[in-house]
Amino acid sequence: MKIKLFLVFTFFVSVSFSQTDSSTVKVKQENYFKFDYENDFFNETDRYYTQGITATLIHPIVRYSPFSRALIKLKGNAVNYYGIHAQQDCFTPKSIRVDTIMFGERPYTGTIFISHSLNSLSKEKKLLLQTQLDLGGIGKCARCEDMQKAIHKGLVNIRPLSWEYQLENDFVINYRTKLEKGIIYKKHFELMANANFRLGTLYTDLGTGLNMRFGFFDPYFNNLGLSKDPSSRKFKIYGVIKTNTKLVGYNATLQGGIFSKDIYVIDADNVERFVFTGTLDIVVAFKRFSLTYSRTYITREYHTGVDSGWGGIFMAVAF
């Protein structure tokens, strides 16, 4: 059933937004390297989404990957940024000091995958369409147990217990889209609204959100945040507030992979179907380099859980 829905969705969006390369305006655009690090120690906790690492390369060469054929462009004079990402995310229950299964709590698990993405941007229409295909695995293959134990040992911290009950290995095939539209775009204030959708073996959900920027920046729909254009603002400093409310269909980090047989998972009846996420970013950029400090709050993802949060440091270079 999920495969059928995926095919129908892909066909619908393709008809609405796709175009051939020959109709795309050739614009000299930026390439980027990005490194993102998230951890819940910024929130002074050690639970739930406990660490995430992502390395990203955005470069035209990625368009020649066969997986990039699954990505979707906007019609008209869109600028298309193809990217490839390597990502690892790690999750634990609310306590890592218990040496047995904590029933009613999130299971230990990790995800690791390679993604192909396309940011298709229309400056004239104030539109940004993001599509991404994730391919990888969930479970022991992510090596989150090894990483967390090594970090705690290096920091002379407590040894995490009960990783032996983590979710078993399963595969990740996920497709995600987000369509963002500019609503207000003043010199020092911008507001964008978006609709987003994920479908696959890892996450299936539907959401909507807002993205507000305030401060000194280049217009949001000019590029992906940094520019080589000499006319671009050299020094940027601004805040970002993002909100998202999603309707959750399936979350494999709670419920286990669709083919694996796990010792313990969160039952579907215990999953929260509506989840709110709020993020505050502070961005400082000079010429082709940017540094972002981020804090995220999320409401509970299952009935017996609690609200939580994490922070992050993101670096980006344009070349």
Protein backbone atom coordinates (compact mmCIF):
# COMPACT_ATOMS: atom_id res chain seq x y z
CA MET A 1 0.00 0.00 0.00
CA LYS A 2 2.81 2.42 0.90
CA ILE A 3 4.55 1.71 -2.42
CA LYS A 4 1.34 2.49 -4.33
CA LEU A 5 0.87 5.77 -2.45
CA PHE A 6 4.51 6.67 -3.14
CA LEU A 7 4.11 6.07 -6.88
CA VAL A 8 0.88 8.10 -7.03
CA PHE A 9 2.44 10.97 -5.08
CA THR A 10 5.59 11.01 -7.21
CA PHE A 11 3.57 11.03 -10.43
CA PHE A 12 1.32 13.86 -9.21
CA VAL A 13 4.19 16.09 -8.11
CA SER A 14 6.19 15.29 -11.25
CA VAL A 15 3.33 16.41 -13.47
CA SER A 16 2.89 19.59 -11.42
CA PHE A 17 6.51 20.69 -11.06
CA SER A 18 8.97 18.79 -13.24
CA GLN A 19 10.66 20.09 -16.35
CA THR A 20 13.40 19.06 -18.71
CA ASP A 21 16.92 20.38 -18.26
CA SER A 22 16.72 22.22 -21.57
CA SER A 23 14.13 24.66 -20.15
CA THR A 24 16.21 25.59 -17.11
CA VAL A 25 17.92 28.98 -17.27
CA LYS A 26 21.67 28.57 -17.04
CA VAL A 27 22.72 30.62 -14.05
CA LYS A 28 26.16 30.65 -12.49
CA GLN A 29 25.40 29.32 -9.05
CA GLU A 30 27.17 28.53 -5.81
CA ASN A 31 28.46 25.17 -4.65
CA TYR A 32 28.43 24.37 -0.95
CA PHE A 33 30.00 22.14 1.64
CA LYS A 34 28.09 21.88 4.91
CA PHE A 35 28.69 20.09 8.20
CA ASP A 36 25.94 19.82 10.80
CA TYR A 37 26.32 18.55 14.36
CA GLU A 38 23.37 18.17 16.74
CA ASN A 39 23.38 16.86 20.30
CA ASP A 40 21.05 16.98 23.28
CA PHE A 41 23.85 18.09 25.62
CA PHE A 42 23.00 21.64 24.43
CA ASN A 43 19.70 21.02 26.24
CA GLU A 44 21.52 19.53 29.27
CA THR A 45 19.89 16.13 28.70
CA ASP A 46 20.90 12.71 27.40
CA ARG A 47 17.74 11.23 25.93
CA TYR A 48 15.64 10.64 22.81
CA TYR A 49 17.31 12.27 19.76
CA THR A 50 20.74 12.33 21.34
CA GLN A 51 23.07 13.02 18.40
CA GLY A 52 23.01 13.71 14.69
CA ILE A 53 25.85 14.26 12.20
CA THR A 54 25.39 15.28 8.57
CA ALA A 55 27.97 16.10 5.88
CA THR A 56 26.64 17.68 2.69
CA LEU A 57 28.08 18.50 -0.73
CA ILE A 58 25.95 20.62 -3.08
CA HIS A 59 27.45 20.51 -6.56
CA PRO A 60 26.15 20.12 -10.17
CA ILE A 61 28.05 16.82 -10.56
CA VAL A 62 25.47 15.15 -8.28
CA ARG A 63 22.83 15.56 -10.99
CA TYR A 64 24.53 12.75 -12.96
CA SER A 65 23.77 10.19 -10.24
CA PRO A 66 20.99 7.82 -11.38
CA PHE A 67 19.20 8.44 -8.05
CA SER A 68 18.86 12.14 -8.90
CA ARG A 69 16.30 11.17 -11.54
CA ALA A 70 13.82 10.67 -8.69
CA LEU A 71 14.09 14.34 -7.70
CA ILE A 72 11.71 17.05 -8.90
CA LYS A 73 12.26 20.54 -10.35
CA LEU A 74 10.05 23.60 -10.42
CA LYS A 75 8.77 24.84 -13.75
CA GLY A 76 10.06 28.03 -15.29
CA ASN A 77 13.25 29.91 -14.51
CA ALA A 78 14.32 27.79 -11.55
CA VAL A 79 17.88 27.41 -10.28
CA ASN A 80 18.54 23.80 -9.26
CA TYR A 81 21.00 22.83 -6.53
CA TYR A 82 21.81 19.11 -6.46
CA GLY A 83 23.24 17.68 -3.25
CA ILE A 84 24.50 14.48 -1.65
CA HIS A 85 24.44 13.88 2.10
CA ALA A 86 25.85 11.35 4.57
CA GLN A 87 23.85 11.28 7.80
CA GLN A 88 23.84 9.41 11.12
CA ASP A 89 21.16 9.95 13.80
CA CYS A 90 21.14 8.29 17.24
CA PHE A 91 18.26 7.78 19.69
CA THR A 92 18.01 6.55 23.29
CA PRO A 93 15.31 6.25 25.98
CA LYS A 94 14.95 8.98 28.61
CA SER A 95 17.54 7.27 30.84
CA ILE A 96 20.74 5.47 29.81
CA ARG A 97 21.40 4.29 33.38
CA VAL A 98 18.89 1.41 33.41
CA ASP A 99 20.30 -2.04 32.59
CA THR A 100 17.06 -3.56 31.30
CA ILE A 101 14.27 -2.70 28.85
CA MET A 102 12.33 0.42 29.86
CA PHE A 103 8.82 -0.50 28.78
CA GLY A 104 6.82 2.51 27.61
CA GLU A 105 10.05 4.30 26.64
CA ARG A 106 11.72 4.95 23.29
CA PRO A 107 13.98 2.05 22.22
CA TYR A 108 17.68 2.49 21.52
CA THR A 109 18.38 2.82 17.82
CA GLY A 110 20.30 4.63 15.12
CA THR A 111 19.88 5.45 11.45
CA ILE A 112 22.52 5.89 8.79
CA PHE A 113 21.93 6.77 5.16
CA ILE A 114 23.12 8.48 2.00
CA SER A 115 20.73 11.01 0.49
CA HIS A 116 20.35 12.70 -2.86
CA SER A 117 18.59 16.06 -2.76
CA LEU A 118 17.45 18.83 -5.07
CA ASN A 119 16.67 22.40 -4.01
CA SER A 120 14.77 23.95 -6.90
CA LEU A 121 14.50 27.70 -6.38
CA SER A 122 12.45 30.32 -8.21
CA LYS A 123 13.42 33.86 -7.27
CA GLU A 124 10.61 35.38 -9.33
CA LYS A 125 7.83 33.24 -7.85
CA LYS A 126 9.32 33.17 -4.33
CA LEU A 127 9.17 29.37 -4.34
CA LEU A 128 11.56 26.70 -3.08
CA LEU A 129 10.86 23.02 -3.75
CA GLN A 130 13.05 20.56 -1.85
CA THR A 131 12.99 16.85 -2.69
CA GLN A 132 15.23 14.18 -1.21
CA LEU A 133 15.73 10.43 -1.50
CA ASP A 134 17.25 8.61 1.51
CA LEU A 135 18.87 5.17 1.17
CA GLY A 136 20.45 3.35 4.11
CA GLY A 137 19.68 1.41 7.24
CA ILE A 138 18.26 1.51 10.75
CA GLY A 139 19.50 -0.45 13.74
CA LYS A 140 22.89 -1.79 14.77
CA CYS A 141 24.35 -0.96 11.35
CA ALA A 142 24.31 2.74 12.31
CA ARG A 143 26.97 2.05 14.99
CA CYS A 144 25.38 4.50 17.42
CA GLU A 145 26.15 2.21 20.34
CA ASP A 146 29.88 2.34 19.60
CA MET A 147 29.83 6.10 19.11
CA GLN A 148 27.92 6.94 22.30
CA LYS A 149 30.03 4.63 24.44
CA ALA A 150 33.24 6.07 22.97
CA ILE A 151 32.11 9.66 23.59
CA HIS A 152 31.11 8.91 27.18
CA LYS A 153 34.38 7.11 27.82
CA GLY A 154 36.38 9.98 26.35
CA LEU A 155 34.50 12.48 28.56
CA VAL A 156 34.85 10.19 31.62
CA ASN A 157 31.06 10.06 31.81
CA ILE A 158 28.71 7.22 32.80
CA ARG A 159 28.67 4.13 30.59
CA PRO A 160 25.37 3.89 28.62
CA LEU A 161 23.47 0.71 29.52
CA SER A 162 20.99 -1.54 27.63
CA TRP A 163 22.16 -0.95 24.05
CA GLU A 164 21.85 -4.74 23.64
CA TYR A 165 18.08 -4.19 23.37
CA GLN A 166 18.34 -1.78 20.44
CA LEU A 167 16.28 -2.19 17.26
CA GLU A 168 17.46 -4.78 14.75
CA ASN A 169 18.83 -3.89 11.32
CA ASP A 170 16.40 -2.96 8.58
CA PHE A 171 16.63 -0.96 5.38
CA VAL A 172 15.74 2.70 4.85
CA ILE A 173 14.12 3.91 1.66
CA ASN A 174 12.47 7.27 2.23
CA TYR A 175 11.30 10.12 0.03
CA ARG A 176 10.68 13.64 1.33
CA THR A 177 9.38 16.87 -0.19
CA LYS A 178 8.90 20.42 1.06
CA LEU A 179 7.36 23.28 -0.91
CA GLU A 180 8.07 26.72 0.55
CA LYS A 181 6.39 29.98 -0.50
CA GLY A 182 7.38 33.53 0.39
CA ILE A 183 4.62 35.52 2.11
CA ILE A 184 6.39 38.63 3.44
CA TYR A 185 9.78 39.73 2.14
CA LYS A 186 11.00 43.03 3.56
CA LYS A 187 14.60 44.22 3.80
CA HIS A 188 15.10 42.97 7.37
CA PHE A 189 12.16 40.61 7.79
CA GLU A 190 10.90 37.63 5.77
CA LEU A 191 8.14 35.09 6.35
CA MET A 192 7.73 31.85 4.41
CA ALA A 193 5.10 29.11 4.71
CA ASN A 194 5.62 25.48 3.72
CA ALA A 195 3.96 22.13 3.30
CA ASN A 196 6.08 19.00 3.76
CA PHE A 197 5.67 15.28 3.28
CA ARG A 198 7.73 12.14 4.00
CA LEU A 199 6.96 8.60 2.87
CA GLY A 200 8.92 5.38 3.25
CA THR A 201 10.25 2.72 5.56
CA LEU A 202 11.69 5.24 8.07
CA TYR A 203 9.21 8.12 8.36
CA THR A 204 5.74 8.62 6.96
CA ASP A 205 4.18 11.96 7.93
CA LEU A 206 2.56 15.11 6.59
CA GLY A 207 3.28 18.58 7.95
CA THR A 208 2.98 22.32 7.57
CA GLY A 209 5.10 25.10 9.01
CA LEU A 210 6.42 28.66 9.00
CA ASN A 211 9.93 30.06 8.54
CA MET A 212 10.64 33.58 9.80
CA ARG A 213 13.95 35.48 9.37
CA PHE A 214 14.88 38.82 10.91
CA GLY A 215 18.14 40.77 10.75
CA PHE A 216 20.70 41.50 8.05
CA PHE A 217 20.72 38.98 5.20
CA ASP A 218 20.39 38.46 1.46
CA PRO A 219 16.86 37.68 0.19
CA TYR A 220 15.86 34.09 1.02
CA PHE A 221 15.02 33.09 -2.55
CA ASN A 222 18.28 34.38 -4.05
CA ASN A 223 20.35 31.30 -3.15
CA LEU A 224 20.87 28.74 -0.37
CA GLY A 225 22.29 31.23 2.11
CA LEU A 226 25.72 32.17 0.77
CA SER A 227 26.80 33.82 -2.46
CA LYS A 228 29.89 34.39 -4.60
CA ASP A 229 28.27 37.47 -6.13
CA PRO A 230 30.34 40.61 -5.28
CA SER A 231 27.08 42.55 -4.83
CA SER A 232 25.97 40.18 -2.06
CA ARG A 233 26.01 41.43 1.53
CA LYS A 234 29.46 40.54 2.90
CA PHE A 235 28.52 40.34 6.59
CA LYS A 236 25.23 38.79 7.66
CA ILE A 237 23.74 38.27 11.09
CA TYR A 238 20.15 37.22 11.60
CA GLY A 239 17.76 35.07 13.56
CA VAL A 240 15.49 32.33 12.25
CA ILE A 241 12.35 30.94 13.86
CA LYS A 242 10.91 27.78 12.30
CA THR A 243 7.79 25.88 13.31
CA ASN A 244 6.33 22.64 12.01
CA THR A 245 3.26 20.62 12.95
CA LYS A 246 3.08 17.12 11.51
CA LEU A 247 0.56 14.31 11.31
CA VAL A 248 2.50 11.09 11.98
CA GLY A 249 1.70 7.90 10.11
CA TYR A 250 4.79 5.83 10.93
CA ASN A 251 8.08 6.35 12.75
CA ALA A 252 10.48 3.42 12.50
CA THR A 253 12.81 4.83 15.19
CA LEU A 254 9.92 4.18 17.61
CA GLN A 255 8.07 1.30 15.97
CA GLY A 256 10.95 -0.64 14.40
CA GLY A 257 11.68 -1.45 10.77
CA ILE A 258 8.91 -2.89 8.64
CA PHE A 259 10.72 -6.22 8.14
CA SER A 260 12.77 -6.59 11.35
CA LYS A 261 11.72 -8.59 14.40
CA ASP A 262 12.64 -6.51 17.41
CA ILE A 263 12.82 -7.36 21.09
CA TYR A 264 10.96 -4.18 22.03
CA VAL A 265 9.23 -1.31 20.19
CA ILE A 266 6.69 1.43 20.90
CA ASP A 267 3.22 0.14 19.99
CA ALA A 268 1.27 2.04 17.34
CA ASP A 269 -1.42 2.89 19.93
CA ASN A 270 1.22 4.72 22.00
CA VAL A 271 2.46 6.92 19.11
CA GLU A 272 1.47 10.59 19.19
CA ARG A 273 -0.17 11.42 15.88
CA PHE A 274 0.34 15.19 16.09
CA VAL A 275 3.85 16.47 16.89
CA PHE A 276 5.00 20.10 17.02
CA THR A 277 8.60 21.21 16.46
CA GLY A 278 10.00 24.71 17.02
CA THR A 279 13.55 25.84 16.17
CA LEU A 280 15.49 29.03 16.86
CA ASP A 281 18.68 29.69 14.85
CA ILE A 282 21.27 32.44 15.15
CA VAL A 283 23.29 32.79 11.93
CA VAL A 284 26.54 34.71 11.46
CA ALA A 285 28.09 34.79 7.98
CA PHE A 286 31.03 36.55 6.36
CA LYS A 287 31.46 36.39 2.61
CA ARG A 288 31.38 32.64 1.76
CA PHE A 289 31.36 31.18 5.29
CA SER A 290 28.50 30.87 7.78
CA LEU A 291 28.15 29.54 11.31
CA THR A 292 24.78 28.73 12.89
CA TYR A 293 23.83 27.96 16.47
CA SER A 294 20.48 26.17 16.73
CA ARG A 295 18.07 25.12 19.48
CA THR A 296 15.08 22.84 18.82
CA TYR A 297 12.06 21.97 20.96
CA ILE A 298 9.75 19.04 20.17
CA THR A 299 6.57 17.87 21.85
CA ARG A 300 6.35 14.26 23.00
CA GLU A 301 6.37 11.68 20.20
CA TYR A 302 4.54 8.97 22.18
CA HIS A 303 1.99 9.10 25.00
CA THR A 304 4.34 7.85 27.73
CA GLY A 305 7.18 10.15 26.67
CA VAL A 306 7.90 13.79 27.47
CA ASP A 307 8.73 16.95 25.55
CA SER A 308 12.41 17.25 24.68
CA GLY A 309 14.99 19.27 22.79
CA TRP A 310 18.48 19.51 21.41
CA GLY A 311 20.94 22.00 19.98
CA GLY A 312 23.25 22.17 17.02
CA ILE A 313 26.23 23.84 15.39
CA PHE A 314 26.15 24.14 11.58
CA MET A 315 28.93 25.28 9.31
CA ALA A 316 28.69 26.10 5.60
CA VAL A 317 31.17 27.21 2.93
CA ALA A 318 30.33 28.40 -0.59
CA PHE A 319 32.83 27.79 -3.38
